[in-house]
Amino acid sequence: MSRTPPTLDPIPAPEALKARMTDWRRAHPQATFADLEIEATRQVAALRAELIAVALATGDPVTAPVCPACGTTMSRVGTRLRTLTTSQAEPVPVSGHRYRCSACGAELSPPR
């Protein structure tokens, strides 16, 4: 079963990233090397968040997971949208199936 990836800005080509950085530099002519590094890191972090969201959106399990608490096969009970945060503090919207164990009631909402 396929899932629609989260809506994010398209992944820019390396040339587009270079152009963004050039535009930023023109808008900030007094920027120091540290300022340039911070802006470059911000732009790369946003791209990384988008790449992670795309990868997560294509990772639906083919079979239902096994309950980590009791080992029973879990049943799908809907979907859940949540926002995870990368190590660079970039938000990544993630939509995934929710599962519930009929034996013990435990719930799981991948990805973990």
N, C-alpha and C. Protein backbone atom coordinates (compact mmCIF):
# COMPACT_ATOMS: atom_id res chain seq x y z
N MET A 1 0.85 -1.17 0.00
CA MET A 1 0.00 0.00 0.00
C MET A 1 0.90 1.24 0.00
N SER A 2 0.69 2.15 -0.91
CA SER A 2 1.51 3.33 -1.07
C SER A 2 0.90 4.52 -0.35
N ARG A 3 1.73 5.38 0.11
CA ARG A 3 1.30 6.55 0.86
C ARG A 3 1.82 7.80 0.17
N THR A 4 1.07 8.86 0.16
CA THR A 4 1.50 10.11 -0.44
C THR A 4 2.52 10.77 0.48
N PRO A 5 3.69 11.15 -0.07
CA PRO A 5 4.70 11.80 0.77
C PRO A 5 4.19 13.14 1.29
N PRO A 6 4.74 13.60 2.41
CA PRO A 6 4.34 14.90 2.94
C PRO A 6 4.61 15.99 1.92
N THR A 7 3.82 17.05 1.94
CA THR A 7 4.01 18.16 1.02
C THR A 7 5.10 19.07 1.56
N LEU A 8 6.19 19.13 0.81
CA LEU A 8 7.32 20.00 1.16
C LEU A 8 7.79 20.68 -0.12
N ASP A 9 8.64 21.69 0.02
CA ASP A 9 9.22 22.31 -1.16
C ASP A 9 10.02 21.26 -1.92
N PRO A 10 10.06 21.36 -3.26
CA PRO A 10 10.85 20.39 -4.03
C PRO A 10 12.32 20.46 -3.66
N ILE A 11 12.99 19.32 -3.80
CA ILE A 11 14.42 19.27 -3.51
C ILE A 11 15.15 20.09 -4.56
N PRO A 12 15.90 21.10 -4.13
CA PRO A 12 16.62 21.90 -5.10
C PRO A 12 17.87 21.17 -5.60
N ALA A 13 18.19 21.40 -6.86
CA ALA A 13 19.41 20.85 -7.43
C ALA A 13 20.59 21.59 -6.81
N PRO A 14 21.79 21.00 -6.85
CA PRO A 14 22.95 21.69 -6.28
C PRO A 14 23.12 23.11 -6.82
N GLU A 15 22.84 23.32 -8.10
CA GLU A 15 22.96 24.67 -8.67
C GLU A 15 21.98 25.63 -8.01
N ALA A 16 20.78 25.15 -7.70
CA ALA A 16 19.80 26.00 -7.04
C ALA A 16 20.26 26.36 -5.63
N LEU A 17 20.87 25.41 -4.94
CA LEU A 17 21.40 25.71 -3.61
C LEU A 17 22.50 26.75 -3.69
N LYS A 18 23.36 26.62 -4.67
CA LYS A 18 24.43 27.61 -4.86
C LYS A 18 23.84 28.98 -5.15
N ALA A 19 22.80 29.02 -5.98
CA ALA A 19 22.16 30.29 -6.31
C ALA A 19 21.52 30.91 -5.06
N ARG A 20 20.88 30.09 -4.23
CA ARG A 20 20.29 30.61 -2.99
C ARG A 20 21.37 31.21 -2.09
N MET A 21 22.49 30.52 -2.02
CA MET A 21 23.58 31.00 -1.17
C MET A 21 24.15 32.30 -1.73
N THR A 22 24.27 32.38 -3.04
CA THR A 22 24.76 33.60 -3.68
C THR A 22 23.80 34.76 -3.42
N ASP A 23 22.50 34.50 -3.56
CA ASP A 23 21.50 35.53 -3.29
C ASP A 23 21.56 35.98 -1.83
N TRP A 24 21.73 35.02 -0.93
CA TRP A 24 21.81 35.36 0.49
C TRP A 24 23.02 36.25 0.75
N ARG A 25 24.15 35.91 0.12
CA ARG A 25 25.38 36.68 0.30
C ARG A 25 25.20 38.11 -0.22
N ARG A 26 24.55 38.24 -1.36
CA ARG A 26 24.30 39.58 -1.91
C ARG A 26 23.41 40.40 -0.97
N ALA A 27 22.46 39.74 -0.34
CA ALA A 27 21.56 40.43 0.60
C ALA A 27 22.25 40.73 1.94
N HIS A 28 23.36 40.06 2.20
CA HIS A 28 24.10 40.24 3.46
C HIS A 28 25.58 40.47 3.17
N PRO A 29 25.93 41.62 2.57
CA PRO A 29 27.32 41.84 2.16
C PRO A 29 28.31 41.93 3.32
N GLN A 30 27.83 42.22 4.51
CA GLN A 30 28.73 42.34 5.66
C GLN A 30 28.85 41.02 6.44
N ALA A 31 28.27 39.97 5.91
CA ALA A 31 28.29 38.68 6.62
C ALA A 31 29.71 38.18 6.81
N THR A 32 29.95 37.65 7.97
CA THR A 32 31.26 37.07 8.27
C THR A 32 31.31 35.63 7.79
N PHE A 33 32.48 35.03 7.88
CA PHE A 33 32.61 33.61 7.53
C PHE A 33 31.67 32.78 8.41
N ALA A 34 31.60 33.11 9.68
CA ALA A 34 30.70 32.37 10.59
C ALA A 34 29.25 32.52 10.16
N ASP A 35 28.85 33.72 9.74
CA ASP A 35 27.48 33.93 9.25
C ASP A 35 27.20 33.07 8.02
N LEU A 36 28.17 33.03 7.10
CA LEU A 36 28.03 32.21 5.89
C LEU A 36 27.89 30.73 6.26
N GLU A 37 28.67 30.29 7.21
CA GLU A 37 28.60 28.89 7.63
C GLU A 37 27.24 28.58 8.25
N ILE A 38 26.74 29.48 9.06
CA ILE A 38 25.43 29.27 9.69
C ILE A 38 24.33 29.19 8.63
N GLU A 39 24.37 30.08 7.65
CA GLU A 39 23.34 30.06 6.59
C GLU A 39 23.45 28.81 5.74
N ALA A 40 24.67 28.41 5.40
CA ALA A 40 24.85 27.18 4.62
C ALA A 40 24.34 25.97 5.40
N THR A 41 24.61 25.93 6.68
CA THR A 41 24.14 24.83 7.52
C THR A 41 22.61 24.82 7.57
N ARG A 42 22.00 25.99 7.66
CA ARG A 42 20.54 26.09 7.69
C ARG A 42 19.94 25.55 6.40
N GLN A 43 20.52 25.93 5.28
CA GLN A 43 19.99 25.48 3.99
C GLN A 43 20.17 23.97 3.80
N VAL A 44 21.31 23.45 4.19
CA VAL A 44 21.54 22.00 4.07
C VAL A 44 20.63 21.24 5.04
N ALA A 45 20.40 21.78 6.23
CA ALA A 45 19.52 21.12 7.20
C ALA A 45 18.09 21.02 6.65
N ALA A 46 17.62 22.07 5.98
CA ALA A 46 16.28 22.02 5.39
C ALA A 46 16.21 20.95 4.30
N LEU A 47 17.24 20.84 3.50
CA LEU A 47 17.29 19.80 2.47
C LEU A 47 17.31 18.42 3.11
N ARG A 48 18.09 18.25 4.17
CA ARG A 48 18.17 16.96 4.86
C ARG A 48 16.80 16.56 5.42
N ALA A 49 16.09 17.51 6.00
CA ALA A 49 14.75 17.21 6.53
C ALA A 49 13.83 16.73 5.42
N GLU A 50 13.91 17.35 4.25
CA GLU A 50 13.06 16.93 3.14
C GLU A 50 13.44 15.53 2.67
N LEU A 51 14.72 15.24 2.57
CA LEU A 51 15.16 13.90 2.16
C LEU A 51 14.67 12.83 3.15
N ILE A 52 14.73 13.12 4.43
CA ILE A 52 14.27 12.18 5.45
C ILE A 52 12.76 11.96 5.31
N ALA A 53 11.99 13.03 5.11
CA ALA A 53 10.54 12.91 4.96
C ALA A 53 10.18 12.04 3.76
N VAL A 54 10.89 12.22 2.65
CA VAL A 54 10.63 11.42 1.45
C VAL A 54 10.93 9.95 1.73
N ALA A 55 12.06 9.68 2.38
CA ALA A 55 12.43 8.29 2.69
C ALA A 55 11.42 7.64 3.65
N LEU A 56 10.98 8.37 4.64
CA LEU A 56 10.00 7.82 5.59
C LEU A 56 8.67 7.55 4.91
N ALA A 57 8.27 8.40 3.98
CA ALA A 57 6.98 8.24 3.30
C ALA A 57 6.94 6.99 2.43
N THR A 58 8.08 6.48 2.03
CA THR A 58 8.11 5.29 1.18
C THR A 58 8.40 4.02 1.98
N GLY A 59 8.42 4.12 3.30
CA GLY A 59 8.80 2.98 4.11
C GLY A 59 7.69 2.22 4.79
N ASP A 60 6.48 2.19 4.20
CA ASP A 60 5.38 1.44 4.80
C ASP A 60 5.73 -0.04 4.92
N PRO A 61 5.42 -0.64 6.07
CA PRO A 61 5.66 -2.08 6.18
C PRO A 61 4.69 -2.86 5.31
N VAL A 62 5.18 -3.93 4.70
CA VAL A 62 4.33 -4.78 3.87
C VAL A 62 3.41 -5.61 4.75
N THR A 63 3.90 -6.01 5.90
CA THR A 63 3.10 -6.78 6.85
C THR A 63 2.97 -6.00 8.15
N ALA A 64 1.93 -6.29 8.90
CA ALA A 64 1.73 -5.64 10.19
C ALA A 64 2.86 -6.02 11.14
N PRO A 65 3.28 -5.07 11.98
CA PRO A 65 4.35 -5.37 12.92
C PRO A 65 3.88 -6.31 14.04
N VAL A 66 4.85 -6.89 14.70
CA VAL A 66 4.60 -7.73 15.86
C VAL A 66 4.67 -6.85 17.09
N CYS A 67 3.78 -7.05 18.03
CA CYS A 67 3.74 -6.26 19.26
C CYS A 67 5.06 -6.42 20.02
N PRO A 68 5.72 -5.32 20.35
CA PRO A 68 6.97 -5.43 21.09
C PRO A 68 6.76 -5.89 22.54
N ALA A 69 5.53 -5.76 23.05
CA ALA A 69 5.25 -6.16 24.43
C ALA A 69 4.95 -7.64 24.58
N CYS A 70 4.16 -8.21 23.62
CA CYS A 70 3.73 -9.60 23.82
C CYS A 70 3.96 -10.51 22.62
N GLY A 71 4.37 -9.97 21.47
CA GLY A 71 4.68 -10.80 20.32
C GLY A 71 3.51 -11.13 19.40
N THR A 72 2.32 -10.61 19.68
CA THR A 72 1.15 -10.85 18.84
C THR A 72 1.20 -9.92 17.62
N THR A 73 0.72 -10.40 16.46
CA THR A 73 0.64 -9.55 15.28
C THR A 73 -0.38 -8.45 15.53
N MET A 74 0.01 -7.22 15.24
CA MET A 74 -0.84 -6.07 15.52
C MET A 74 -1.78 -5.80 14.36
N SER A 75 -2.90 -5.11 14.63
CA SER A 75 -3.89 -4.74 13.62
C SER A 75 -3.80 -3.25 13.34
N ARG A 76 -3.96 -2.87 12.08
CA ARG A 76 -3.94 -1.46 11.71
C ARG A 76 -5.25 -0.81 12.17
N VAL A 77 -5.13 0.36 12.81
CA VAL A 77 -6.31 1.05 13.34
C VAL A 77 -6.36 2.52 12.88
N GLY A 78 -5.72 2.84 11.80
CA GLY A 78 -5.77 4.21 11.28
C GLY A 78 -4.39 4.74 10.97
N THR A 79 -4.33 6.06 10.85
CA THR A 79 -3.05 6.72 10.58
C THR A 79 -2.84 7.83 11.59
N ARG A 80 -1.61 8.27 11.66
CA ARG A 80 -1.26 9.32 12.61
C ARG A 80 -0.29 10.27 11.92
N LEU A 81 -0.53 11.56 12.04
CA LEU A 81 0.38 12.57 11.53
C LEU A 81 1.09 13.17 12.73
N ARG A 82 2.39 13.20 12.64
CA ARG A 82 3.17 13.83 13.70
C ARG A 82 4.37 14.51 13.09
N THR A 83 5.02 15.34 13.86
CA THR A 83 6.19 16.05 13.39
C THR A 83 7.39 15.65 14.23
N LEU A 84 8.38 15.08 13.57
CA LEU A 84 9.63 14.75 14.22
C LEU A 84 10.61 15.89 13.96
N THR A 85 11.68 15.95 14.72
CA THR A 85 12.67 17.01 14.56
C THR A 85 14.04 16.40 14.35
N THR A 86 14.76 16.90 13.33
CA THR A 86 16.11 16.41 13.06
C THR A 86 17.07 16.95 14.11
N SER A 87 18.29 16.46 14.08
CA SER A 87 19.31 16.94 15.02
C SER A 87 19.67 18.40 14.76
N GLN A 88 19.29 18.93 13.58
CA GLN A 88 19.51 20.34 13.27
C GLN A 88 18.26 21.18 13.51
N ALA A 89 17.31 20.63 14.26
CA ALA A 89 16.06 21.31 14.65
C ALA A 89 15.14 21.62 13.47
N GLU A 90 15.23 20.85 12.38
CA GLU A 90 14.33 21.01 11.24
C GLU A 90 13.12 20.10 11.44
N PRO A 91 11.90 20.61 11.28
CA PRO A 91 10.70 19.77 11.43
C PRO A 91 10.52 18.85 10.23
N VAL A 92 10.11 17.61 10.50
CA VAL A 92 9.84 16.63 9.44
C VAL A 92 8.44 16.07 9.68
N PRO A 93 7.44 16.46 8.85
CA PRO A 93 6.10 15.91 9.01
C PRO A 93 6.09 14.44 8.59
N VAL A 94 5.54 13.58 9.43
CA VAL A 94 5.52 12.14 9.16
C VAL A 94 4.11 11.62 9.35
N SER A 95 3.61 10.92 8.34
CA SER A 95 2.31 10.28 8.44
C SER A 95 2.54 8.78 8.37
N GLY A 96 2.01 8.06 9.34
CA GLY A 96 2.22 6.61 9.36
C GLY A 96 1.01 5.87 9.89
N HIS A 97 0.97 4.59 9.61
CA HIS A 97 -0.13 3.75 10.10
C HIS A 97 -0.02 3.58 11.61
N ARG A 98 -1.17 3.53 12.26
CA ARG A 98 -1.24 3.21 13.69
C ARG A 98 -1.64 1.75 13.81
N TYR A 99 -1.04 1.06 14.75
CA TYR A 99 -1.35 -0.35 15.00
C TYR A 99 -1.70 -0.54 16.46
N ARG A 100 -2.60 -1.51 16.74
CA ARG A 100 -2.98 -1.84 18.11
C ARG A 100 -2.93 -3.36 18.25
N CYS A 101 -2.45 -3.80 19.40
CA CYS A 101 -2.38 -5.22 19.71
C CYS A 101 -3.70 -5.65 20.33
N SER A 102 -4.34 -6.66 19.74
CA SER A 102 -5.62 -7.13 20.28
C SER A 102 -5.44 -7.90 21.58
N ALA A 103 -4.24 -8.41 21.82
CA ALA A 103 -3.99 -9.20 23.03
C ALA A 103 -3.73 -8.33 24.26
N CYS A 104 -2.87 -7.31 24.11
CA CYS A 104 -2.50 -6.53 25.31
C CYS A 104 -2.86 -5.05 25.21
N GLY A 105 -3.34 -4.59 24.04
CA GLY A 105 -3.76 -3.22 23.89
C GLY A 105 -2.65 -2.22 23.58
N ALA A 106 -1.41 -2.69 23.45
CA ALA A 106 -0.30 -1.79 23.15
C ALA A 106 -0.52 -1.15 21.78
N GLU A 107 -0.04 0.09 21.61
CA GLU A 107 -0.16 0.77 20.34
C GLU A 107 1.22 1.11 19.80
N LEU A 108 1.29 1.18 18.47
CA LEU A 108 2.55 1.47 17.80
C LEU A 108 2.23 2.35 16.61
N SER A 109 3.02 3.39 16.41
CA SER A 109 2.82 4.28 15.27
C SER A 109 4.16 4.50 14.61
N PRO A 110 4.57 3.60 13.71
CA PRO A 110 5.85 3.77 13.02
C PRO A 110 5.85 5.05 12.20
N PRO A 111 6.97 5.57 11.82
CA PRO A 111 8.30 5.06 12.13
C PRO A 111 8.72 5.44 13.55
N ARG A 112 9.64 4.67 14.06
CA ARG A 112 10.13 4.93 15.42
C ARG A 112 11.41 5.70 15.37
